[in-house]
């Protein structure tokens, strides 16, 4: 009786290993047979873009105090939405402010600022190229960063 159970156990192990190996080879075969899928390049239709509205509000304030703004937005737990026929993005306002502050601090010019934002928020890359107000946002946000304050100091030499 004991040998019968051992034989059944060995047979089950062999069957399991064979099905696992067979499934693995089928997966490789399936991956090699996939063809490239081409998507049509359609125009993006934007339904809601609170990122641009928020950028305009920051520009209108003429001075950004990032520490204060981040603290306020964390308390309110606000989010920014971007809804289009291609993307649906929702980011916490505090996180977006941190990205703007980091981009302004690490950038020497508006083009580098835009490139940093595009790299950190690739879903909004197309909108960052369309927005006309990123240059103004860079100059206003640069004033409140560490490197911006250093740049504003008078030169000793």
C-alpha atoms as a PDB file:
ATOM      1  CA  UNK A   1       0.000   0.000   0.000  1.00  0.00           C
ATOM      2  CA  UNK A   2       2.826   2.337   0.877  1.00  0.00           C
ATOM      3  CA  UNK A   3       4.552   1.737  -2.459  1.00  0.00           C
ATOM      4  CA  UNK A   4       1.301   2.536  -4.267  1.00  0.00           C
ATOM      5  CA  UNK A   5       1.192   5.973  -2.615  1.00  0.00           C
ATOM      6  CA  UNK A   6       4.878   6.567  -3.441  1.00  0.00           C
ATOM      7  CA  UNK A   7       4.278   5.589  -7.073  1.00  0.00           C
ATOM      8  CA  UNK A   8       1.260   7.904  -7.328  1.00  0.00           C
ATOM      9  CA  UNK A   9       3.262  10.751  -5.776  1.00  0.00           C
ATOM     10  CA  UNK A  10       6.132  10.217  -8.264  1.00  0.00           C
ATOM     11  CA  UNK A  11       3.703  10.117 -11.195  1.00  0.00           C
ATOM     12  CA  UNK A  12       2.032  13.339 -10.036  1.00  0.00           C
ATOM     13  CA  UNK A  13       5.406  15.076  -9.672  1.00  0.00           C
ATOM     14  CA  UNK A  14       6.427  13.977 -13.178  1.00  0.00           C
ATOM     15  CA  UNK A  15       3.101  15.156 -14.644  1.00  0.00           C
ATOM     16  CA  UNK A  16       3.422  18.497 -12.852  1.00  0.00           C
ATOM     17  CA  UNK A  17       6.984  19.052 -14.088  1.00  0.00           C
ATOM     18  CA  UNK A  18       6.041  18.105 -17.645  1.00  0.00           C
ATOM     19  CA  UNK A  19       3.089  20.523 -17.699  1.00  0.00           C
ATOM     20  CA  UNK A  20       5.219  23.283 -16.191  1.00  0.00           C
ATOM     21  CA  UNK A  21       7.923  22.747 -18.816  1.00  0.00           C
ATOM     22  CA  UNK A  22       5.378  22.509 -21.622  1.00  0.00           C
ATOM     23  CA  UNK A  23       3.658  25.712 -20.477  1.00  0.00           C
ATOM     24  CA  UNK A  24       7.003  27.528 -20.333  1.00  0.00           C
ATOM     25  CA  UNK A  25       7.910  26.497 -23.901  1.00  0.00           C
ATOM     26  CA  UNK A  26       4.455  27.525 -25.127  1.00  0.00           C
ATOM     27  CA  UNK A  27       4.944  30.948 -23.538  1.00  0.00           C
ATOM     28  CA  UNK A  28       8.237  31.424 -25.389  1.00  0.00           C
ATOM     29  CA  UNK A  29       6.597  30.315 -28.629  1.00  0.00           C
ATOM     30  CA  UNK A  30       3.705  32.724 -28.083  1.00  0.00           C
ATOM     31  CA  UNK A  31       6.020  35.656 -27.357  1.00  0.00           C
ATOM     32  CA  UNK A  32       7.972  35.106 -30.556  1.00  0.00           C
ATOM     33  CA  UNK A  33       4.791  34.980 -32.655  1.00  0.00           C
ATOM     34  CA  UNK A  34       3.439  38.366 -31.525  1.00  0.00           C
ATOM     35  CA  UNK A  35       3.416  41.032 -34.178  1.00  0.00           C
ATOM     36  CA  UNK A  36       3.896  44.755 -33.831  1.00  0.00           C
ATOM     37  CA  UNK A  37       0.703  46.728 -33.321  1.00  0.00           C
ATOM     38  CA  UNK A  38       0.585  50.209 -34.834  1.00  0.00           C
ATOM     39  CA  UNK A  39      -1.683  52.805 -33.291  1.00  0.00           C
ATOM     40  CA  UNK A  40      -3.093  55.737 -35.165  1.00  0.00           C
ATOM     41  CA  UNK A  41      -1.743  59.142 -34.264  1.00  0.00           C
ATOM     42  CA  UNK A  42      -4.925  60.940 -33.271  1.00  0.00           C
ATOM     43  CA  UNK A  43      -5.205  64.448 -31.938  1.00  0.00           C
ATOM     44  CA  UNK A  44      -5.574  64.704 -28.178  1.00  0.00           C
ATOM     45  CA  UNK A  45      -8.797  66.334 -27.053  1.00  0.00           C
ATOM     46  CA  UNK A  46      -8.494  67.849 -23.578  1.00  0.00           C
ATOM     47  CA  UNK A  47     -11.648  67.859 -21.469  1.00  0.00           C
ATOM     48  CA  UNK A  48     -10.254  69.193 -18.198  1.00  0.00           C
ATOM     49  CA  UNK A  49      -6.828  70.643 -17.413  1.00  0.00           C
ATOM     50  CA  UNK A  50      -6.468  72.000 -13.885  1.00  0.00           C
ATOM     51  CA  UNK A  51      -2.662  71.988 -14.234  1.00  0.00           C
ATOM     52  CA  UNK A  52      -2.741  74.996 -16.572  1.00  0.00           C
ATOM     53  CA  UNK A  53      -5.282  76.752 -14.378  1.00  0.00           C
ATOM     54  CA  UNK A  54      -3.137  76.135 -11.319  1.00  0.00           C
ATOM     55  CA  UNK A  55      -0.034  77.393 -13.143  1.00  0.00           C
ATOM     56  CA  UNK A  56      -1.939  80.565 -14.069  1.00  0.00           C
ATOM     57  CA  UNK A  57      -2.951  81.030 -10.422  1.00  0.00           C
ATOM     58  CA  UNK A  58       0.678  80.672  -9.325  1.00  0.00           C
ATOM     59  CA  UNK A  59       1.793  83.190 -11.943  1.00  0.00           C
ATOM     60  CA  UNK A  60      -0.934  85.636 -10.908  1.00  0.00           C
ATOM     61  CA  UNK A  61       0.292  85.537  -7.305  1.00  0.00           C
ATOM     62  CA  UNK A  62       3.662  86.981  -8.519  1.00  0.00           C
ATOM     63  CA  UNK A  63       5.465  85.323  -5.580  1.00  0.00           C
ATOM     64  CA  UNK A  64       5.392  81.685  -4.579  1.00  0.00           C
ATOM     65  CA  UNK A  65       6.224  80.529  -1.083  1.00  0.00           C
ATOM     66  CA  UNK A  66       6.590  76.808  -1.736  1.00  0.00           C
ATOM     67  CA  UNK A  67       6.822  75.787   1.906  1.00  0.00           C
ATOM     68  CA  UNK A  68       3.573  77.576   2.750  1.00  0.00           C
ATOM     69  CA  UNK A  69       1.740  76.422  -0.388  1.00  0.00           C
ATOM     70  CA  UNK A  70       2.768  72.788   0.097  1.00  0.00           C
ATOM     71  CA  UNK A  71       1.646  72.863   3.725  1.00  0.00           C
ATOM     72  CA  UNK A  72      -1.733  74.351   2.763  1.00  0.00           C
ATOM     73  CA  UNK A  73      -2.322  71.880  -0.054  1.00  0.00           C
ATOM     74  CA  UNK A  74      -1.353  68.920   2.152  1.00  0.00           C
ATOM     75  CA  UNK A  75      -3.906  70.072   4.728  1.00  0.00           C
ATOM     76  CA  UNK A  76      -6.658  70.375   2.136  1.00  0.00           C
ATOM     77  CA  UNK A  77      -5.558  67.235   0.253  1.00  0.00           C
ATOM     78  CA  UNK A  78      -6.260  68.906  -3.116  1.00  0.00           C
ATOM     79  CA  UNK A  79      -5.629  67.163  -6.410  1.00  0.00           C
ATOM     80  CA  UNK A  80      -5.053  68.379  -9.949  1.00  0.00           C
ATOM     81  CA  UNK A  81      -6.802  66.650 -12.860  1.00  0.00           C
ATOM     82  CA  UNK A  82      -5.941  66.266 -16.492  1.00  0.00           C
ATOM     83  CA  UNK A  83      -8.599  64.441 -18.477  1.00  0.00           C
ATOM     84  CA  UNK A  84      -8.415  63.905 -22.224  1.00  0.00           C
ATOM     85  CA  UNK A  85      -9.289  61.234 -24.738  1.00  0.00           C
ATOM     86  CA  UNK A  86      -5.758  59.774 -24.288  1.00  0.00           C
ATOM     87  CA  UNK A  87      -4.798  60.433 -20.665  1.00  0.00           C
ATOM     88  CA  UNK A  88      -6.432  60.624 -17.262  1.00  0.00           C
ATOM     89  CA  UNK A  89      -4.005  62.007 -14.710  1.00  0.00           C
ATOM     90  CA  UNK A  90      -4.617  62.926 -11.103  1.00  0.00           C
ATOM     91  CA  UNK A  91      -1.769  64.281  -8.969  1.00  0.00           C
ATOM     92  CA  UNK A  92      -1.842  65.628  -5.435  1.00  0.00           C
ATOM     93  CA  UNK A  93      -1.220  69.388  -5.524  1.00  0.00           C
ATOM     94  CA  UNK A  94       1.571  69.146  -2.944  1.00  0.00           C
ATOM     95  CA  UNK A  95       3.447  66.637  -5.124  1.00  0.00           C
ATOM     96  CA  UNK A  96       3.053  68.874  -8.164  1.00  0.00           C
ATOM     97  CA  UNK A  97       4.397  71.855  -6.209  1.00  0.00           C
ATOM     98  CA  UNK A  98       7.382  69.792  -5.108  1.00  0.00           C
ATOM     99  CA  UNK A  99       8.101  68.854  -8.723  1.00  0.00           C
ATOM    100  CA  UNK A 100       7.868  72.516  -9.789  1.00  0.00           C
ATOM    101  CA  UNK A 101      10.198  73.596  -6.967  1.00  0.00           C
ATOM    102  CA  UNK A 102      12.710  70.870  -7.825  1.00  0.00           C
ATOM    103  CA  UNK A 103      12.545  71.733 -11.534  1.00  0.00           C
ATOM    104  CA  UNK A 104      13.070  75.449 -10.873  1.00  0.00           C
ATOM    105  CA  UNK A 105      15.927  74.772  -8.471  1.00  0.00           C
ATOM    106  CA  UNK A 106      17.791  72.429 -10.826  1.00  0.00           C
ATOM    107  CA  UNK A 107      17.235  74.385 -14.042  1.00  0.00           C
ATOM    108  CA  UNK A 108      19.290  77.282 -15.350  1.00  0.00           C
ATOM    109  CA  UNK A 109      16.783  78.395 -18.000  1.00  0.00           C
ATOM    110  CA  UNK A 110      13.117  77.933 -18.990  1.00  0.00           C
ATOM    111  CA  UNK A 111      13.978  75.254 -21.564  1.00  0.00           C
ATOM    112  CA  UNK A 112      15.679  73.091 -18.929  1.00  0.00           C
ATOM    113  CA  UNK A 113      12.702  73.735 -16.632  1.00  0.00           C
ATOM    114  CA  UNK A 114      10.294  72.480 -19.290  1.00  0.00           C
ATOM    115  CA  UNK A 115      12.508  69.451 -20.012  1.00  0.00           C
ATOM    116  CA  UNK A 116      12.628  68.563 -16.292  1.00  0.00           C
ATOM    117  CA  UNK A 117       8.837  68.778 -16.014  1.00  0.00           C
ATOM    118  CA  UNK A 118       8.427  66.665 -19.147  1.00  0.00           C
ATOM    119  CA  UNK A 119      10.793  64.006 -17.773  1.00  0.00           C
ATOM    120  CA  UNK A 120       9.039  63.853 -14.404  1.00  0.00           C
ATOM    121  CA  UNK A 121       5.496  64.053 -15.786  1.00  0.00           C
ATOM    122  CA  UNK A 122       5.751  62.418 -19.220  1.00  0.00           C
ATOM    123  CA  UNK A 123       1.971  62.114 -19.500  1.00  0.00           C
ATOM    124  CA  UNK A 124       1.772  65.923 -19.599  1.00  0.00           C
ATOM    125  CA  UNK A 125       4.704  66.386 -21.986  1.00  0.00           C
ATOM    126  CA  UNK A 126       2.512  67.447 -24.892  1.00  0.00           C
ATOM    127  CA  UNK A 127       0.682  69.991 -22.727  1.00  0.00           C
ATOM    128  CA  UNK A 128       3.964  71.420 -21.415  1.00  0.00           C
ATOM    129  CA  UNK A 129       5.051  72.117 -24.987  1.00  0.00           C
ATOM    130  CA  UNK A 130       1.726  73.825 -25.741  1.00  0.00           C
ATOM    131  CA  UNK A 131       1.539  75.961 -22.567  1.00  0.00           C
ATOM    132  CA  UNK A 132       2.825  79.486 -23.116  1.00  0.00           C
ATOM    133  CA  UNK A 133       3.075  80.310 -19.434  1.00  0.00           C
ATOM    134  CA  UNK A 134       5.902  77.953 -18.411  1.00  0.00           C
ATOM    135  CA  UNK A 135       8.541  80.664 -18.922  1.00  0.00           C
ATOM    136  CA  UNK A 136       6.755  82.963 -16.498  1.00  0.00           C
ATOM    137  CA  UNK A 137       6.197  80.095 -14.070  1.00  0.00           C
ATOM    138  CA  UNK A 138       9.919  79.323 -14.184  1.00  0.00           C
ATOM    139  CA  UNK A 139      10.991  82.880 -13.364  1.00  0.00           C
ATOM    140  CA  UNK A 140       8.445  83.261 -10.558  1.00  0.00           C
ATOM    141  CA  UNK A 141       9.178  79.864  -9.003  1.00  0.00           C
ATOM    142  CA  UNK A 142      12.960  80.254  -9.392  1.00  0.00           C
ATOM    143  CA  UNK A 143      12.887  83.247  -7.019  1.00  0.00           C
ATOM    144  CA  UNK A 144      11.807  81.050  -4.070  1.00  0.00           C
ATOM    145  CA  UNK A 145      14.352  78.257  -4.570  1.00  0.00           C
ATOM    146  CA  UNK A 146      17.782  77.959  -2.976  1.00  0.00           C
ATOM    147  CA  UNK A 147      19.698  78.384  -6.234  1.00  0.00           C
ATOM    148  CA  UNK A 148      17.458  81.286  -7.227  1.00  0.00           C
ATOM    149  CA  UNK A 149      18.217  83.082  -3.970  1.00  0.00           C
ATOM    150  CA  UNK A 150      21.937  82.454  -4.479  1.00  0.00           C
ATOM    151  CA  UNK A 151      21.710  83.856  -8.025  1.00  0.00           C
ATOM    152  CA  UNK A 152      19.952  86.950  -6.701  1.00  0.00           C
ATOM    153  CA  UNK A 153      22.836  87.820  -4.353  1.00  0.00           C
ATOM    154  CA  UNK A 154      25.077  90.598  -5.603  1.00  0.00           C
ATOM    155  CA  UNK A 155      28.391  89.466  -7.000  1.00  0.00           C
ATOM    156  CA  UNK A 156      31.412  90.205  -4.815  1.00  0.00           C
ATOM    157  CA  UNK A 157      33.885  90.270  -7.657  1.00  0.00           C
END
